[in-house]
Amino acid sequence: MRQFEKLLFKDDFMFSAVCYENPEIARKLAEVFTGRKIVKVHNLRQQDWVSIDPVLKKVRLDVTFEGDSTIYCIEMQVGKEKELAERIRYYQSAKDIEQINKGGEYKRLQPVYIIFIC
């Protein structure tokens, strides 16, 4: 395991910790990558686990927050990922499923941006 002092911003733990402690960084990153103005960040989470069923593959996002009725998920990706498009699709669907309880209406779904920094 790497020593804490040697961690870089791109390292999983450091990226999520810095964004969590400095929500302005998470907000600015999301604005730059989406081209959208985000007025306020709320419900900021680091290492956000999404698990619909214990048998299914789990999703863990480095940073997740809500802003202006939209959900933003930011993931630092430093390794080579062969199935990036499929992974983003899976993360998007997991965040969608998380939003509606049984009997809920689909129109309550908030837009979701999954941002991978590669």
Protein backbone atom coordinates (compact mmCIF):
# COMPACT_ATOMS: atom_id res chain seq x y z
CA MET A 1 0.00 0.00 0.00
CA ARG A 2 1.26 3.47 -0.88
CA GLN A 3 2.10 5.93 1.85
CA PHE A 4 -0.46 8.70 2.30
CA GLU A 5 2.13 11.42 1.61
CA LYS A 6 2.90 9.94 -1.82
CA LEU A 7 -0.69 9.83 -3.06
CA LEU A 8 -1.50 11.92 -6.12
CA PHE A 9 -4.76 13.68 -7.01
CA LYS A 10 -5.43 10.94 -9.57
CA ASP A 11 -5.30 8.21 -6.90
CA ASP A 12 -8.74 6.87 -6.01
CA PHE A 13 -8.65 7.71 -2.30
CA MET A 14 -7.05 11.14 -2.72
CA PHE A 15 -9.38 12.22 -5.54
CA SER A 16 -12.54 11.40 -3.60
CA ALA A 17 -11.17 12.84 -0.34
CA VAL A 18 -10.14 16.14 -1.94
CA CYS A 19 -13.49 16.53 -3.71
CA TYR A 20 -15.39 15.65 -0.54
CA GLU A 21 -13.44 18.16 1.57
CA ASN A 22 -13.64 20.80 -1.17
CA PRO A 23 -17.07 20.60 -2.85
CA GLU A 24 -16.14 23.57 -5.01
CA ILE A 25 -13.63 21.33 -6.84
CA ALA A 26 -16.30 18.71 -7.54
CA ARG A 27 -18.70 21.41 -8.71
CA LYS A 28 -16.11 23.01 -11.02
CA LEU A 29 -15.11 19.65 -12.50
CA ALA A 30 -18.75 18.84 -13.28
CA GLU A 31 -19.28 22.29 -14.81
CA VAL A 32 -16.22 21.95 -17.05
CA PHE A 33 -17.12 18.48 -18.28
CA THR A 34 -20.84 19.07 -18.79
CA GLY A 35 -20.85 22.71 -19.83
CA ARG A 36 -23.63 23.35 -17.32
CA LYS A 37 -23.72 25.99 -14.57
CA ILE A 38 -24.24 24.39 -11.16
CA VAL A 39 -25.41 26.86 -8.53
CA LYS A 40 -25.29 24.69 -5.40
CA VAL A 41 -23.83 21.31 -4.44
CA HIS A 42 -25.76 19.23 -1.93
CA ASN A 43 -25.83 15.62 -0.77
CA LEU A 44 -22.13 15.19 -1.62
CA ARG A 45 -20.86 11.63 -1.09
CA GLN A 46 -17.47 10.05 -1.55
CA GLN A 47 -16.92 6.40 -2.42
CA ASP A 48 -20.65 6.14 -3.13
CA TRP A 49 -21.75 2.49 -3.31
CA VAL A 50 -24.82 1.60 -5.34
CA SER A 51 -26.04 -1.93 -4.72
CA ILE A 52 -29.45 -2.97 -5.94
CA ASP A 53 -29.15 -6.67 -5.13
CA PRO A 54 -26.39 -8.57 -3.27
CA VAL A 55 -26.03 -10.97 -6.21
CA LEU A 56 -25.55 -8.23 -8.83
CA LYS A 57 -22.31 -6.41 -9.65
CA LYS A 58 -21.95 -3.37 -7.40
CA VAL A 59 -21.11 0.18 -8.48
CA ARG A 60 -18.74 2.42 -6.53
CA LEU A 61 -18.38 6.02 -7.62
CA ASP A 62 -15.57 8.25 -6.38
CA VAL A 63 -17.74 11.36 -5.94
CA THR A 64 -21.50 11.83 -6.25
CA PHE A 65 -23.54 14.96 -5.61
CA GLU A 66 -26.79 16.64 -6.51
CA GLY A 67 -26.99 20.08 -8.01
CA ASP A 68 -29.91 21.92 -9.61
CA SER A 69 -32.17 18.83 -9.77
CA THR A 70 -29.44 16.81 -11.47
CA ILE A 71 -27.18 14.04 -10.16
CA TYR A 72 -23.47 14.19 -10.98
CA CYS A 73 -21.13 11.23 -10.56
CA ILE A 74 -17.41 11.72 -11.09
CA GLU A 75 -15.04 8.79 -11.45
CA MET A 76 -11.25 9.03 -11.81
CA GLN A 77 -10.17 6.35 -14.28
CA VAL A 78 -6.41 5.84 -14.52
CA GLY A 79 -6.28 2.19 -15.61
CA LYS A 80 -7.00 0.85 -19.06
CA GLU A 81 -10.68 -0.05 -19.31
CA LYS A 82 -11.74 -2.14 -22.29
CA GLU A 83 -15.50 -1.80 -21.78
CA LEU A 84 -15.80 1.85 -20.79
CA ALA A 85 -19.04 2.56 -22.69
CA GLU A 86 -20.75 -0.48 -21.17
CA ARG A 87 -19.46 0.45 -17.70
CA ILE A 88 -20.87 3.97 -18.00
CA ARG A 89 -24.20 2.51 -19.15
CA TYR A 90 -24.26 0.18 -16.12
CA TYR A 91 -23.46 3.03 -13.71
CA GLN A 92 -26.17 5.20 -15.28
CA SER A 93 -28.81 2.49 -14.89
CA ALA A 94 -27.75 1.81 -11.29
CA LYS A 95 -28.17 5.49 -10.39
CA ASP A 96 -31.57 5.53 -12.14
CA ILE A 97 -32.81 2.44 -10.27
CA GLU A 98 -31.69 3.99 -6.98
CA GLN A 99 -34.01 6.98 -7.53
CA ILE A 100 -37.44 5.35 -7.65
CA ASN A 101 -39.08 3.19 -5.01
CA LYS A 102 -41.55 0.45 -5.85
CA GLY A 103 -44.70 2.03 -7.26
CA GLY A 104 -42.88 5.29 -7.99
CA GLU A 105 -43.36 7.27 -11.17
CA TYR A 106 -40.68 7.35 -13.87
CA LYS A 107 -41.19 11.08 -14.37
CA ARG A 108 -39.50 11.57 -10.97
CA LEU A 109 -36.16 10.47 -12.42
CA GLN A 110 -33.58 13.22 -12.21
CA PRO A 111 -31.05 13.61 -15.02
CA VAL A 112 -27.77 11.84 -14.24
CA TYR A 113 -24.32 12.72 -15.56
CA ILE A 114 -21.68 10.01 -15.25
CA ILE A 115 -18.30 11.67 -15.71
CA PHE A 116 -15.19 9.56 -16.22
CA ILE A 117 -11.89 11.42 -16.07
CA CYS A 118 -9.51 9.25 -18.09
